[in-house]
PDB file of N, CA and C in Angstrom:
ATOM      1  N   MET A   1     -11.658   3.964  14.696  1.00  0.00           N
ATOM      2  CA  MET A   1     -10.372   3.758  14.581  1.00  0.00           C
ATOM      3  C   MET A   1      -9.531   4.874  15.235  1.00  0.00           C
ATOM      4  N   SER A   2      -8.654   4.645  16.187  1.00  0.00           N
ATOM      5  CA  SER A   2      -7.845   5.754  16.658  1.00  0.00           C
ATOM      6  C   SER A   2      -6.906   6.382  16.026  1.00  0.00           C
ATOM      7  N   ASP A   3      -6.637   7.617  16.288  1.00  0.00           N
ATOM      8  CA  ASP A   3      -5.428   8.122  15.415  1.00  0.00           C
ATOM      9  C   ASP A   3      -4.077   7.477  15.523  1.00  0.00           C
ATOM     10  N   GLY A   4      -3.830   6.685  16.698  1.00  0.00           N
ATOM     11  CA  GLY A   4      -2.712   5.918  16.740  1.00  0.00           C
ATOM     12  C   GLY A   4      -2.699   4.604  15.653  1.00  0.00           C
ATOM     13  N   ILE A   5      -3.678   3.991  15.470  1.00  0.00           N
ATOM     14  CA  ILE A   5      -3.776   3.062  14.596  1.00  0.00           C
ATOM     15  C   ILE A   5      -3.629   3.561  13.035  1.00  0.00           C
ATOM     16  N   GLY A   6      -4.308   4.726  12.842  1.00  0.00           N
ATOM     17  CA  GLY A   6      -4.009   5.496  11.588  1.00  0.00           C
ATOM     18  C   GLY A   6      -2.698   5.646  11.263  1.00  0.00           C
ATOM     19  N   MET A   7      -1.943   6.293  12.369  1.00  0.00           N
ATOM     20  CA  MET A   7      -0.572   6.555  12.258  1.00  0.00           C
ATOM     21  C   MET A   7       0.078   5.236  11.949  1.00  0.00           C
ATOM     22  N   GLY A   8      -0.123   4.260  12.533  1.00  0.00           N
ATOM     23  CA  GLY A   8       0.513   3.019  12.459  1.00  0.00           C
ATOM     24  C   GLY A   8       0.312   2.425  11.052  1.00  0.00           C
ATOM     25  N   LEU A   9      -0.835   2.581  10.419  1.00  0.00           N
ATOM     26  CA  LEU A   9      -1.100   2.135   9.282  1.00  0.00           C
ATOM     27  C   LEU A   9      -0.313   2.954   8.248  1.00  0.00           C
ATOM     28  N   ARG A  10      -0.192   4.259   8.394  1.00  0.00           N
ATOM     29  CA  ARG A  10       0.622   5.075   7.638  1.00  0.00           C
ATOM     30  C   ARG A  10       2.280   4.562   7.635  1.00  0.00           C
ATOM     31  N   LYS A  11       2.595   4.139   8.829  1.00  0.00           N
ATOM     32  CA  LYS A  11       4.143   4.169   9.064  1.00  0.00           C
ATOM     33  C   LYS A  11       4.403   2.571   8.273  1.00  0.00           C
ATOM     34  N   LEU A  12       3.319   1.729   8.454  1.00  0.00           N
ATOM     35  CA  LEU A  12       3.550   0.447   7.922  1.00  0.00           C
ATOM     36  C   LEU A  12       3.617   0.669   6.296  1.00  0.00           C
ATOM     37  N   ARG A  13       2.701   1.349   5.695  1.00  0.00           N
ATOM     38  CA  ARG A  13       2.770   1.802   4.329  1.00  0.00           C
ATOM     39  C   ARG A  13       3.960   2.344   3.705  1.00  0.00           C
ATOM     40  N   LEU A  14       4.551   3.253   4.306  1.00  0.00           N
ATOM     41  CA  LEU A  14       5.500   3.965   3.921  1.00  0.00           C
ATOM     42  C   LEU A  14       6.859   3.114   4.255  1.00  0.00           C
ATOM     43  N   GLU A  15       6.967   2.211   5.293  1.00  0.00           N
ATOM     44  CA  GLU A  15       8.167   1.281   5.407  1.00  0.00           C
ATOM     45  C   GLU A  15       8.071   0.413   4.111  1.00  0.00           C
ATOM     46  N   ARG A  16       7.061   0.044   3.699  1.00  0.00           N
ATOM     47  CA  ARG A  16       6.988  -0.856   2.535  1.00  0.00           C
ATOM     48  C   ARG A  16       6.723  -0.205   1.094  1.00  0.00           C
ATOM     49  N   HIS A  17       6.960   1.000   1.066  1.00  0.00           N
ATOM     50  CA  HIS A  17       6.931   1.915  -0.005  1.00  0.00           C
ATOM     51  C   HIS A  17       5.744   1.781  -0.753  1.00  0.00           C
ATOM     52  N   TYR A  18       4.637   1.589  -0.166  1.00  0.00           N
ATOM     53  CA  TYR A  18       3.492   1.519  -0.811  1.00  0.00           C
ATOM     54  C   TYR A  18       2.672   2.676  -1.102  1.00  0.00           C
ATOM     55  N   THR A  19       1.862   3.251  -2.074  1.00  0.00           N
ATOM     56  CA  THR A  19       1.296   4.293  -1.982  1.00  0.00           C
ATOM     57  C   THR A  19      -0.148   3.961  -1.465  1.00  0.00           C
ATOM     58  N   GLN A  20      -0.932   4.950  -1.096  1.00  0.00           N
ATOM     59  CA  GLN A  20      -2.112   4.829  -0.530  1.00  0.00           C
ATOM     60  C   GLN A  20      -3.186   4.170  -1.638  1.00  0.00           C
ATOM     61  N   ARG A  21      -2.793   4.304  -2.945  1.00  0.00           N
ATOM     62  CA  ARG A  21      -3.537   3.689  -3.895  1.00  0.00           C
ATOM     63  C   ARG A  21      -3.402   2.421  -4.124  1.00  0.00           C
ATOM     64  N   GLU A  22      -1.959   1.974  -3.950  1.00  0.00           N
ATOM     65  CA  GLU A  22      -1.746   0.562  -4.064  1.00  0.00           C
ATOM     66  C   GLU A  22      -2.348  -0.380  -2.894  1.00  0.00           C
ATOM     67  N   VAL A  23      -2.164   0.445  -1.695  1.00  0.00           N
ATOM     68  CA  VAL A  23      -3.128  -0.516  -0.663  1.00  0.00           C
ATOM     69  C   VAL A  23      -4.523  -0.513  -0.870  1.00  0.00           C
ATOM     70  N   ALA A  24      -5.034   0.528  -1.257  1.00  0.00           N
ATOM     71  CA  ALA A  24      -6.496   0.608  -1.476  1.00  0.00           C
ATOM     72  C   ALA A  24      -6.830  -0.459  -2.760  1.00  0.00           C
ATOM     73  N   GLU A  25      -6.259  -0.456  -3.668  1.00  0.00           N
ATOM     74  CA  GLU A  25      -6.388  -1.577  -4.436  1.00  0.00           C
ATOM     75  C   GLU A  25      -6.316  -2.857  -4.018  1.00  0.00           C
ATOM     76  N   ARG A  26      -5.511  -3.019  -3.273  1.00  0.00           N
ATOM     77  CA  ARG A  26      -5.362  -4.504  -2.783  1.00  0.00           C
ATOM     78  C   ARG A  26      -6.406  -4.665  -1.565  1.00  0.00           C
ATOM     79  N   MET A  27      -7.088  -3.776  -1.100  1.00  0.00           N
ATOM     80  CA  MET A  27      -8.071  -3.728  -0.219  1.00  0.00           C
ATOM     81  C   MET A  27      -9.448  -3.750  -0.984  1.00  0.00           C
ATOM     82  N   HIS A  28      -9.502  -3.472  -2.210  1.00  0.00           N
ATOM     83  CA  HIS A  28     -10.646  -3.512  -3.039  1.00  0.00           C
ATOM     84  C   HIS A  28     -11.642  -2.100  -2.605  1.00  0.00           C
ATOM     85  N   MET A  29     -10.741  -0.935  -2.114  1.00  0.00           N
ATOM     86  CA  MET A  29     -11.496   0.132  -2.293  1.00  0.00           C
ATOM     87  C   MET A  29     -10.903   1.374  -2.664  1.00  0.00           C
ATOM     88  N   LEU A  30     -11.517   2.532  -2.650  1.00  0.00           N
ATOM     89  CA  LEU A  30     -11.070   3.623  -3.223  1.00  0.00           C
ATOM     90  C   LEU A  30      -9.884   4.288  -2.445  1.00  0.00           C
ATOM     91  N   GLN A  31      -8.854   4.890  -3.007  1.00  0.00           N
ATOM     92  CA  GLN A  31      -7.901   5.436  -2.392  1.00  0.00           C
ATOM     93  C   GLN A  31      -8.301   6.591  -1.329  1.00  0.00           C
ATOM     94  N   SER A  32      -9.512   7.372  -1.661  1.00  0.00           N
ATOM     95  CA  SER A  32     -10.167   8.223  -0.605  1.00  0.00           C
ATOM     96  C   SER A  32     -10.603   7.443   0.663  1.00  0.00           C
ATOM     97  N   ALA A  33     -11.227   6.371   0.397  1.00  0.00           N
ATOM     98  CA  ALA A  33     -11.562   5.558   1.497  1.00  0.00           C
ATOM     99  C   ALA A  33     -10.482   5.079   2.571  1.00  0.00           C
ATOM    100  N   TYR A  34      -9.409   4.588   1.797  1.00  0.00           N
ATOM    101  CA  TYR A  34      -8.182   4.066   2.539  1.00  0.00           C
ATOM    102  C   TYR A  34      -7.730   5.309   3.460  1.00  0.00           C
ATOM    103  N   SER A  35      -7.653   6.540   2.793  1.00  0.00           N
ATOM    104  CA  SER A  35      -6.975   7.715   3.307  1.00  0.00           C
ATOM    105  C   SER A  35      -8.076   8.198   4.599  1.00  0.00           C
ATOM    106  N   ARG A  36      -9.141   7.813   4.512  1.00  0.00           N
ATOM    107  CA  ARG A  36      -9.991   8.016   5.758  1.00  0.00           C
ATOM    108  C   ARG A  36      -9.602   7.132   6.886  1.00  0.00           C
ATOM    109  N   LEU A  37      -9.198   5.797   6.541  1.00  0.00           N
ATOM    110  CA  LEU A  37      -8.796   4.853   7.596  1.00  0.00           C
ATOM    111  C   LEU A  37      -7.258   5.520   8.278  1.00  0.00           C
ATOM    112  N   GLU A  38      -6.487   5.885   7.387  1.00  0.00           N
ATOM    113  CA  GLU A  38      -5.256   6.102   8.088  1.00  0.00           C
ATOM    114  C   GLU A  38      -5.337   7.485   8.788  1.00  0.00           C
ATOM    115  N   ASN A  39      -6.372   8.411   8.413  1.00  0.00           N
ATOM    116  CA  ASN A  39      -6.699   9.609   9.056  1.00  0.00           C
ATOM    117  C   ASN A  39      -7.603   9.613  10.376  1.00  0.00           C
ATOM    118  N   GLY A  40      -8.130   8.377  10.564  1.00  0.00           N
ATOM    119  CA  GLY A  40      -9.008   7.991  11.595  1.00  0.00           C
ATOM    120  C   GLY A  40     -10.337   8.600  11.647  1.00  0.00           C
ATOM    121  N   LYS A  41     -10.695   8.887  10.319  1.00  0.00           N
ATOM    122  CA  LYS A  41     -12.036   9.378  10.028  1.00  0.00           C
ATOM    123  C   LYS A  41     -13.092   8.504   9.944  1.00  0.00           C
ATOM    124  N   VAL A  42     -12.905   7.225   9.884  1.00  0.00           N
ATOM    125  CA  VAL A  42     -13.789   6.041   9.850  1.00  0.00           C
ATOM    126  C   VAL A  42     -13.400   5.145  10.927  1.00  0.00           C
ATOM    127  N   VAL A  43     -14.448   4.182  11.463  1.00  0.00           N
ATOM    128  CA  VAL A  43     -14.209   3.285  12.287  1.00  0.00           C
ATOM    129  C   VAL A  43     -13.700   1.898  11.485  1.00  0.00           C
ATOM    130  N   VAL A  44     -12.751   1.286  12.134  1.00  0.00           N
ATOM    131  CA  VAL A  44     -12.330   0.184  11.310  1.00  0.00           C
ATOM    132  C   VAL A  44     -13.278  -0.988  11.524  1.00  0.00           C
ATOM    133  N   THR A  45     -13.651  -1.609  10.583  1.00  0.00           N
ATOM    134  CA  THR A  45     -14.489  -2.983  10.627  1.00  0.00           C
ATOM    135  C   THR A  45     -13.608  -4.127  10.542  1.00  0.00           C
ATOM    136  N   GLU A  46     -14.358  -5.134  11.081  1.00  0.00           N
ATOM    137  CA  GLU A  46     -13.605  -6.688  10.887  1.00  0.00           C
ATOM    138  C   GLU A  46     -13.217  -6.896   9.549  1.00  0.00           C
ATOM    139  N   ARG A  47     -13.922  -6.538   8.646  1.00  0.00           N
ATOM    140  CA  ARG A  47     -13.653  -6.726   7.151  1.00  0.00           C
ATOM    141  C   ARG A  47     -12.313  -5.942   6.721  1.00  0.00           C
ATOM    142  N   HIS A  48     -12.446  -4.814   7.334  1.00  0.00           N
ATOM    143  CA  HIS A  48     -11.124  -3.807   7.078  1.00  0.00           C
ATOM    144  C   HIS A  48      -9.823  -4.598   7.794  1.00  0.00           C
ATOM    145  N   LEU A  49      -9.938  -5.068   8.909  1.00  0.00           N
ATOM    146  CA  LEU A  49      -8.878  -5.823   9.674  1.00  0.00           C
ATOM    147  C   LEU A  49      -8.350  -6.826   8.843  1.00  0.00           C
ATOM    148  N   GLN A  50      -9.312  -7.740   8.360  1.00  0.00           N
ATOM    149  CA  GLN A  50      -9.055  -8.743   7.595  1.00  0.00           C
ATOM    150  C   GLN A  50      -8.238  -8.611   6.309  1.00  0.00           C
ATOM    151  N   LEU A  51      -8.653  -7.398   5.652  1.00  0.00           N
ATOM    152  CA  LEU A  51      -7.823  -6.771   4.385  1.00  0.00           C
ATOM    153  C   LEU A  51      -6.559  -6.369   4.735  1.00  0.00           C
ATOM    154  N   LEU A  52      -6.479  -5.554   5.818  1.00  0.00           N
ATOM    155  CA  LEU A  52      -5.033  -5.039   6.315  1.00  0.00           C
ATOM    156  C   LEU A  52      -4.333  -6.080   6.598  1.00  0.00           C
ATOM    157  N   VAL A  53      -4.622  -7.214   7.153  1.00  0.00           N
ATOM    158  CA  VAL A  53      -3.803  -8.443   7.442  1.00  0.00           C
ATOM    159  C   VAL A  53      -3.140  -9.008   6.040  1.00  0.00           C
ATOM    160  N   GLU A  54      -4.062  -9.322   5.135  1.00  0.00           N
ATOM    161  CA  GLU A  54      -3.606  -9.591   3.823  1.00  0.00           C
ATOM    162  C   GLU A  54      -2.733  -8.725   3.155  1.00  0.00           C
ATOM    163  N   VAL A  55      -2.674  -7.440   3.436  1.00  0.00           N
ATOM    164  CA  VAL A  55      -1.628  -6.451   2.839  1.00  0.00           C
ATOM    165  C   VAL A  55      -0.415  -6.512   3.627  1.00  0.00           C
ATOM    166  N   PHE A  56      -0.618  -6.217   5.030  1.00  0.00           N
ATOM    167  CA  PHE A  56       0.634  -5.969   5.830  1.00  0.00           C
ATOM    168  C   PHE A  56       1.197  -7.235   6.513  1.00  0.00           C
ATOM    169  N   GLY A  57       0.130  -8.123   6.609  1.00  0.00           N
ATOM    170  CA  GLY A  57       0.488  -9.181   7.578  1.00  0.00           C
ATOM    171  C   GLY A  57      -0.017  -9.106   8.881  1.00  0.00           C
ATOM    172  N   GLU A  58      -0.317 -10.316   9.601  1.00  0.00           N
ATOM    173  CA  GLU A  58      -1.015 -10.372  10.920  1.00  0.00           C
ATOM    174  C   GLU A  58      -0.161  -9.892  12.122  1.00  0.00           C
ATOM    175  N   GLU A  59       1.048 -10.057  12.128  1.00  0.00           N
ATOM    176  CA  GLU A  59       1.847  -9.505  13.034  1.00  0.00           C
ATOM    177  C   GLU A  59       2.107  -8.048  13.067  1.00  0.00           C
ATOM    178  N   ALA A  60       2.258  -7.471  11.842  1.00  0.00           N
ATOM    179  CA  ALA A  60       2.403  -5.971  11.682  1.00  0.00           C
ATOM    180  C   ALA A  60       1.083  -5.246  12.151  1.00  0.00           C
ATOM    181  N   ILE A  61      -0.196  -5.824  11.980  1.00  0.00           N
ATOM    182  CA  ILE A  61      -1.498  -5.117  12.344  1.00  0.00           C
ATOM    183  C   ILE A  61      -1.625  -5.337  13.798  1.00  0.00           C
ATOM    184  N   GLU A  62      -1.423  -6.679  14.230  1.00  0.00           N
ATOM    185  CA  GLU A  62      -1.465  -6.747  15.768  1.00  0.00           C
ATOM    186  C   GLU A  62      -0.597  -5.794  16.422  1.00  0.00           C
ATOM    187  N   SER A  63       0.574  -5.375  16.025  1.00  0.00           N
ATOM    188  CA  SER A  63       1.414  -4.624  16.628  1.00  0.00           C
ATOM    189  C   SER A  63       1.067  -3.277  16.583  1.00  0.00           C
ATOM    190  N   ILE A  64       0.181  -2.831  15.752  1.00  0.00           N
ATOM    191  CA  ILE A  64      -0.383  -1.456  15.841  1.00  0.00           C
ATOM    192  C   ILE A  64      -1.740  -1.435  16.666  1.00  0.00           C
ATOM    193  N   CYS A  65      -2.688  -2.587  16.325  1.00  0.00           N
ATOM    194  CA  CYS A  65      -3.888  -2.578  17.260  1.00  0.00           C
ATOM    195  C   CYS A  65      -3.780  -2.881  18.427  1.00  0.00           C
ATOM    196  N   PHE A  66      -2.503  -3.497  19.112  1.00  0.00           N
ATOM    197  CA  PHE A  66      -2.314  -4.002  20.407  1.00  0.00           C
ATOM    198  C   PHE A  66      -1.007  -3.589  20.865  1.00  0.00           C
ATOM    199  N   PRO A  67      -0.471  -2.386  20.849  1.00  0.00           N
ATOM    200  CA  PRO A  67       0.818  -2.050  21.038  1.00  0.00           C
ATOM    201  C   PRO A  67       1.223  -2.350  22.368  1.00  0.00           C
ATOM    202  N   GLU A  68       0.465  -2.444  23.414  1.00  0.00           N
ATOM    203  CA  GLU A  68       0.855  -2.974  24.693  1.00  0.00           C
ATOM    204  C   GLU A  68       1.296  -4.301  24.897  1.00  0.00           C
ATOM    205  N   GLU A  69       0.684  -5.069  24.008  1.00  0.00           N
ATOM    206  CA  GLU A  69       1.115  -6.650  24.029  1.00  0.00           C
ATOM    207  C   GLU A  69       2.442  -6.745  23.374  1.00  0.00           C
ATOM    208  N   LYS A  70       2.982  -5.875  22.630  1.00  0.00           N
ATOM    209  CA  LYS A  70       4.219  -5.921  21.899  1.00  0.00           C
ATOM    210  C   LYS A  70       5.273  -5.455  22.939  1.00  0.00           C
ATOM    211  N   ASP A  71       4.969  -4.531  23.707  1.00  0.00           N
ATOM    212  CA  ASP A  71       5.794  -3.888  24.770  1.00  0.00           C
ATOM    213  C   ASP A  71       5.714  -4.785  25.891  1.00  0.00           C
ATOM    214  N   GLY A  72       5.003  -5.957  25.944  1.00  0.00           N
ATOM    215  CA  GLY A  72       5.146  -6.585  27.305  1.00  0.00           C
ATOM    216  C   GLY A  72       4.336  -6.177  28.374  1.00  0.00           C
ATOM    217  N   ILE A  73       3.462  -5.529  28.248  1.00  0.00           N
ATOM    218  CA  ILE A  73       2.569  -4.794  29.382  1.00  0.00           C
ATOM    219  C   ILE A  73       1.286  -5.709  29.453  1.00  0.00           C
TER     220      ILE A  73
END
C-alpha cells in the first residue's frame, strides 16, 4: 500500500470522526493492524479493500486508490 493511500485512509477516518480503534473493529482487526495500513507498513489485500469499502463506501475508497480517475486524467 502506498503512503498516499494510507494518508487517504487517515483523511477519510478523520473526516468521519472515527478513531483507529472504531475502524479496526468494523474491519475485524486489531487497532495496531489498522494503524499499519494507514502508515503504509503493510500491503493492502483484496479483503482489506472489501472491508474498507464497507466502512467508508466504494466511492471514497476508489477516490484514494485511483485519484487520477477522480481528476479526469
